[in-house]
Amino acid sequence: MRRVIVVTGEEFETSGIPFVITSGTDGEHGLASMHYYGYALDFRTINQVTGAPYLPSAQMAHVVSAIAEKLGEQYYVCLESNHLHIHFLYAEAVKAERI
């Protein structure tokens, strides 16, 4: 997930978004979440003081698209209502081997 951190950090910095990882293996997620296996990260996209998004939706969509393009098809990149979620798509296969 180091690559996710580097790419997302660079894009956030370029766009003026504070870089904050809000969840890794911690927090509450769905039962099948890749967070619990270390294959997913969430990043803050909302100002915690004002509750407003750091960027207008069109600009944020551009940032998300740039991140997805740089990471490639092996990652799922999704802008959710209050954060950016990224997980490794092939983690299901890795997870199955660990069980």
N, C-alpha and C. Protein backbone atom coordinates (compact mmCIF):
# COMPACT_ATOMS: atom_id res chain seq x y z
N MET A 1 0.82 -1.20 0.00
CA MET A 1 0.00 0.00 0.00
C MET A 1 0.87 1.27 0.00
N ARG A 2 2.18 1.05 0.06
CA ARG A 2 3.08 2.21 0.02
C ARG A 2 2.85 3.04 -1.24
N ARG A 3 2.68 2.36 -2.36
CA ARG A 3 2.46 3.07 -3.63
C ARG A 3 1.19 3.93 -3.56
N VAL A 4 0.15 3.41 -2.94
CA VAL A 4 -1.10 4.16 -2.78
C VAL A 4 -0.85 5.42 -1.97
N ILE A 5 -0.09 5.29 -0.90
CA ILE A 5 0.20 6.45 -0.04
C ILE A 5 1.00 7.50 -0.81
N VAL A 6 2.01 7.07 -1.54
CA VAL A 6 2.85 8.02 -2.28
C VAL A 6 2.05 8.73 -3.37
N VAL A 7 1.34 7.98 -4.20
CA VAL A 7 0.58 8.56 -5.31
C VAL A 7 -0.52 9.49 -4.78
N THR A 8 -1.26 9.03 -3.79
CA THR A 8 -2.35 9.85 -3.25
C THR A 8 -1.79 11.10 -2.57
N GLY A 9 -0.71 10.95 -1.84
CA GLY A 9 -0.08 12.10 -1.19
C GLY A 9 0.37 13.14 -2.19
N GLU A 10 0.97 12.71 -3.27
CA GLU A 10 1.42 13.65 -4.31
C GLU A 10 0.25 14.38 -4.95
N GLU A 11 -0.81 13.65 -5.28
CA GLU A 11 -1.98 14.28 -5.92
C GLU A 11 -2.69 15.23 -4.96
N PHE A 12 -2.80 14.84 -3.70
CA PHE A 12 -3.43 15.72 -2.71
C PHE A 12 -2.60 16.99 -2.54
N GLU A 13 -1.29 16.84 -2.43
CA GLU A 13 -0.43 18.00 -2.24
C GLU A 13 -0.53 18.95 -3.43
N THR A 14 -0.49 18.41 -4.64
CA THR A 14 -0.61 19.22 -5.85
C THR A 14 -1.93 19.98 -5.88
N SER A 15 -2.97 19.36 -5.34
CA SER A 15 -4.31 19.96 -5.36
C SER A 15 -4.62 20.80 -4.14
N GLY A 16 -3.71 20.86 -3.18
CA GLY A 16 -3.92 21.66 -1.98
C GLY A 16 -4.81 20.99 -0.94
N ILE A 17 -4.93 19.67 -1.01
CA ILE A 17 -5.75 18.93 -0.05
C ILE A 17 -4.83 18.42 1.05
N PRO A 18 -5.17 18.67 2.32
CA PRO A 18 -4.36 18.11 3.41
C PRO A 18 -4.35 16.58 3.30
N PHE A 19 -3.19 15.97 3.46
CA PHE A 19 -3.06 14.53 3.33
C PHE A 19 -3.24 13.86 4.68
N VAL A 20 -4.38 13.20 4.86
CA VAL A 20 -4.68 12.51 6.12
C VAL A 20 -5.25 11.13 5.80
N ILE A 21 -4.60 10.09 6.30
CA ILE A 21 -5.14 8.74 6.20
C ILE A 21 -6.10 8.58 7.37
N THR A 22 -7.36 8.31 7.09
CA THR A 22 -8.35 8.21 8.15
C THR A 22 -8.57 6.78 8.62
N SER A 23 -8.20 5.81 7.79
CA SER A 23 -8.36 4.42 8.20
C SER A 23 -7.44 3.50 7.41
N GLY A 24 -6.85 2.57 8.13
CA GLY A 24 -6.06 1.51 7.52
C GLY A 24 -6.68 0.20 7.97
N THR A 25 -6.02 -0.47 8.90
CA THR A 25 -6.58 -1.72 9.43
C THR A 25 -7.49 -1.46 10.62
N ASP A 26 -7.59 -0.22 11.03
CA ASP A 26 -8.44 0.14 12.17
C ASP A 26 -9.84 0.54 11.71
N GLY A 27 -10.70 0.85 12.64
CA GLY A 27 -12.05 1.32 12.32
C GLY A 27 -13.02 0.18 12.07
N GLU A 28 -14.25 0.57 11.79
CA GLU A 28 -15.30 -0.41 11.52
C GLU A 28 -15.62 -0.41 10.04
N HIS A 29 -15.58 -1.60 9.46
CA HIS A 29 -15.81 -1.76 8.03
C HIS A 29 -16.68 -2.99 7.83
N GLY A 30 -17.11 -3.22 6.60
CA GLY A 30 -17.90 -4.40 6.29
C GLY A 30 -17.12 -5.68 6.58
N LEU A 31 -17.81 -6.78 6.77
CA LEU A 31 -17.18 -8.04 7.13
C LEU A 31 -16.11 -8.49 6.14
N ALA A 32 -16.31 -8.24 4.86
CA ALA A 32 -15.36 -8.68 3.85
C ALA A 32 -14.37 -7.59 3.46
N SER A 33 -14.28 -6.54 4.25
CA SER A 33 -13.43 -5.40 3.92
C SER A 33 -11.96 -5.77 3.82
N MET A 34 -11.29 -5.19 2.85
CA MET A 34 -9.86 -5.38 2.68
C MET A 34 -9.07 -4.59 3.72
N HIS A 35 -9.74 -3.69 4.45
CA HIS A 35 -9.06 -2.94 5.52
C HIS A 35 -8.47 -3.89 6.55
N TYR A 36 -9.21 -4.90 6.93
CA TYR A 36 -8.77 -5.82 7.98
C TYR A 36 -7.54 -6.62 7.59
N TYR A 37 -7.24 -6.69 6.31
CA TYR A 37 -6.09 -7.45 5.83
C TYR A 37 -4.93 -6.55 5.40
N GLY A 38 -5.11 -5.24 5.56
CA GLY A 38 -4.05 -4.31 5.20
C GLY A 38 -4.00 -3.94 3.73
N TYR A 39 -5.11 -4.19 3.01
CA TYR A 39 -5.14 -3.93 1.57
C TYR A 39 -6.07 -2.78 1.19
N ALA A 40 -6.44 -1.94 2.16
CA ALA A 40 -7.31 -0.80 1.86
C ALA A 40 -6.94 0.38 2.76
N LEU A 41 -7.09 1.57 2.20
CA LEU A 41 -6.86 2.81 2.94
C LEU A 41 -7.97 3.80 2.63
N ASP A 42 -8.28 4.64 3.61
CA ASP A 42 -9.21 5.74 3.42
C ASP A 42 -8.47 7.05 3.66
N PHE A 43 -8.84 8.08 2.89
CA PHE A 43 -8.20 9.38 2.98
C PHE A 43 -9.26 10.47 3.17
N ARG A 44 -8.97 11.44 4.01
CA ARG A 44 -9.91 12.53 4.30
C ARG A 44 -10.10 13.43 3.09
N THR A 45 -11.34 13.75 2.78
CA THR A 45 -11.67 14.68 1.69
C THR A 45 -12.56 15.82 2.17
N ILE A 46 -12.91 15.79 3.45
CA ILE A 46 -13.83 16.77 4.04
C ILE A 46 -13.10 17.55 5.14
N ASN A 47 -13.27 18.86 5.16
CA ASN A 47 -12.72 19.69 6.22
C ASN A 47 -13.43 19.33 7.53
N GLN A 48 -12.70 18.90 8.52
CA GLN A 48 -13.30 18.46 9.78
C GLN A 48 -13.90 19.59 10.59
N VAL A 49 -13.47 20.81 10.37
CA VAL A 49 -14.01 21.97 11.10
C VAL A 49 -15.30 22.47 10.48
N THR A 50 -15.29 22.64 9.16
CA THR A 50 -16.46 23.21 8.48
C THR A 50 -17.43 22.16 7.95
N GLY A 51 -16.94 20.93 7.74
CA GLY A 51 -17.78 19.88 7.17
C GLY A 51 -17.89 19.98 5.65
N ALA A 52 -17.20 20.94 5.07
CA ALA A 52 -17.26 21.14 3.63
C ALA A 52 -16.15 20.34 2.93
N PRO A 53 -16.41 19.90 1.71
CA PRO A 53 -15.36 19.23 0.95
C PRO A 53 -14.18 20.18 0.71
N TYR A 54 -12.98 19.62 0.66
CA TYR A 54 -11.81 20.45 0.39
C TYR A 54 -11.84 21.05 -1.01
N LEU A 55 -12.45 20.34 -1.96
CA LEU A 55 -12.54 20.81 -3.34
C LEU A 55 -13.96 20.66 -3.86
N PRO A 56 -14.37 21.50 -4.81
CA PRO A 56 -15.66 21.29 -5.49
C PRO A 56 -15.65 19.91 -6.16
N SER A 57 -16.81 19.33 -6.34
CA SER A 57 -16.92 17.95 -6.83
C SER A 57 -16.20 17.72 -8.17
N ALA A 58 -16.27 18.66 -9.09
CA ALA A 58 -15.62 18.47 -10.39
C ALA A 58 -14.09 18.40 -10.22
N GLN A 59 -13.55 19.25 -9.38
CA GLN A 59 -12.10 19.23 -9.14
C GLN A 59 -11.68 17.95 -8.41
N MET A 60 -12.49 17.53 -7.44
CA MET A 60 -12.17 16.31 -6.71
C MET A 60 -12.23 15.10 -7.63
N ALA A 61 -13.20 15.11 -8.55
CA ALA A 61 -13.30 14.01 -9.52
C ALA A 61 -12.04 13.94 -10.37
N HIS A 62 -11.49 15.08 -10.71
CA HIS A 62 -10.24 15.13 -11.48
C HIS A 62 -9.09 14.53 -10.67
N VAL A 63 -9.00 14.86 -9.40
CA VAL A 63 -7.96 14.33 -8.52
C VAL A 63 -8.10 12.81 -8.42
N VAL A 64 -9.32 12.34 -8.19
CA VAL A 64 -9.58 10.90 -8.07
C VAL A 64 -9.21 10.18 -9.36
N SER A 65 -9.56 10.76 -10.48
CA SER A 65 -9.24 10.18 -11.78
C SER A 65 -7.72 10.09 -11.97
N ALA A 66 -7.01 11.13 -11.59
CA ALA A 66 -5.55 11.14 -11.72
C ALA A 66 -4.92 10.06 -10.84
N ILE A 67 -5.44 9.90 -9.64
CA ILE A 67 -4.93 8.86 -8.73
C ILE A 67 -5.19 7.48 -9.34
N ALA A 68 -6.40 7.25 -9.80
CA ALA A 68 -6.76 5.95 -10.39
C ALA A 68 -5.89 5.63 -11.60
N GLU A 69 -5.65 6.63 -12.42
CA GLU A 69 -4.83 6.42 -13.62
C GLU A 69 -3.39 6.06 -13.24
N LYS A 70 -2.84 6.74 -12.25
CA LYS A 70 -1.46 6.47 -11.83
C LYS A 70 -1.32 5.12 -11.14
N LEU A 71 -2.34 4.72 -10.39
CA LEU A 71 -2.27 3.44 -9.68
C LEU A 71 -2.49 2.26 -10.62
N GLY A 72 -3.32 2.45 -11.62
CA GLY A 72 -3.57 1.37 -12.57
C GLY A 72 -4.75 0.49 -12.20
N GLU A 73 -5.01 -0.49 -13.05
CA GLU A 73 -6.20 -1.32 -12.94
C GLU A 73 -6.21 -2.26 -11.74
N GLN A 74 -5.09 -2.44 -11.09
CA GLN A 74 -5.06 -3.36 -9.97
C GLN A 74 -5.60 -2.73 -8.67
N TYR A 75 -6.00 -1.46 -8.74
CA TYR A 75 -6.56 -0.78 -7.57
C TYR A 75 -7.97 -0.27 -7.86
N TYR A 76 -8.80 -0.34 -6.84
CA TYR A 76 -10.16 0.22 -6.88
C TYR A 76 -10.09 1.55 -6.16
N VAL A 77 -10.46 2.63 -6.83
CA VAL A 77 -10.41 3.98 -6.28
C VAL A 77 -11.82 4.54 -6.30
N CYS A 78 -12.35 4.88 -5.13
CA CYS A 78 -13.74 5.31 -5.04
C CYS A 78 -13.89 6.50 -4.10
N LEU A 79 -14.45 7.59 -4.63
CA LEU A 79 -14.75 8.75 -3.80
C LEU A 79 -16.10 8.50 -3.13
N GLU A 80 -16.08 8.35 -1.82
CA GLU A 80 -17.31 8.15 -1.06
C GLU A 80 -17.77 9.48 -0.50
N SER A 81 -18.86 9.49 0.24
CA SER A 81 -19.45 10.76 0.68
C SER A 81 -18.53 11.60 1.55
N ASN A 82 -17.68 10.98 2.35
CA ASN A 82 -16.82 11.76 3.24
C ASN A 82 -15.35 11.36 3.23
N HIS A 83 -14.96 10.51 2.26
CA HIS A 83 -13.56 10.10 2.17
C HIS A 83 -13.28 9.45 0.81
N LEU A 84 -11.99 9.29 0.54
CA LEU A 84 -11.55 8.56 -0.64
C LEU A 84 -11.12 7.18 -0.18
N HIS A 85 -11.68 6.15 -0.80
CA HIS A 85 -11.35 4.77 -0.45
C HIS A 85 -10.56 4.15 -1.60
N ILE A 86 -9.46 3.48 -1.26
CA ILE A 86 -8.65 2.77 -2.26
C ILE A 86 -8.31 1.40 -1.72
N HIS A 87 -8.56 0.37 -2.53
CA HIS A 87 -8.10 -0.96 -2.12
C HIS A 87 -7.52 -1.73 -3.30
N PHE A 88 -6.68 -2.68 -2.94
CA PHE A 88 -6.01 -3.54 -3.90
C PHE A 88 -7.01 -4.59 -4.39
N LEU A 89 -7.26 -4.64 -5.68
CA LEU A 89 -8.29 -5.52 -6.23
C LEU A 89 -7.96 -7.00 -6.12
N TYR A 90 -6.72 -7.35 -6.14
CA TYR A 90 -6.35 -8.76 -6.10
C TYR A 90 -6.17 -9.28 -4.68
N ALA A 91 -6.56 -8.48 -3.71
CA ALA A 91 -6.43 -8.87 -2.32
C ALA A 91 -7.32 -10.05 -1.97
N GLU A 92 -8.43 -10.22 -2.67
CA GLU A 92 -9.33 -11.37 -2.40
C GLU A 92 -8.56 -12.66 -2.56
N ALA A 93 -7.74 -12.77 -3.58
CA ALA A 93 -6.95 -13.98 -3.81
C ALA A 93 -5.92 -14.17 -2.70
N VAL A 94 -5.30 -13.08 -2.30
CA VAL A 94 -4.32 -13.14 -1.22
C VAL A 94 -5.01 -13.51 0.08
N LYS A 95 -6.17 -12.90 0.34
CA LYS A 95 -6.93 -13.16 1.56
C LYS A 95 -7.33 -14.63 1.63
N ALA A 96 -7.77 -15.21 0.53
CA ALA A 96 -8.20 -16.60 0.50
C ALA A 96 -7.05 -17.53 0.87
N GLU A 97 -5.84 -17.18 0.49
CA GLU A 97 -4.68 -18.00 0.82
C GLU A 97 -4.34 -17.93 2.30
N ARG A 98 -4.70 -16.84 2.95
CA ARG A 98 -4.38 -16.66 4.37
C ARG A 98 -5.36 -17.38 5.28
N ILE A 99 -6.54 -17.69 4.77
CA ILE A 99 -7.59 -18.30 5.60
C ILE A 99 -7.36 -19.78 5.76
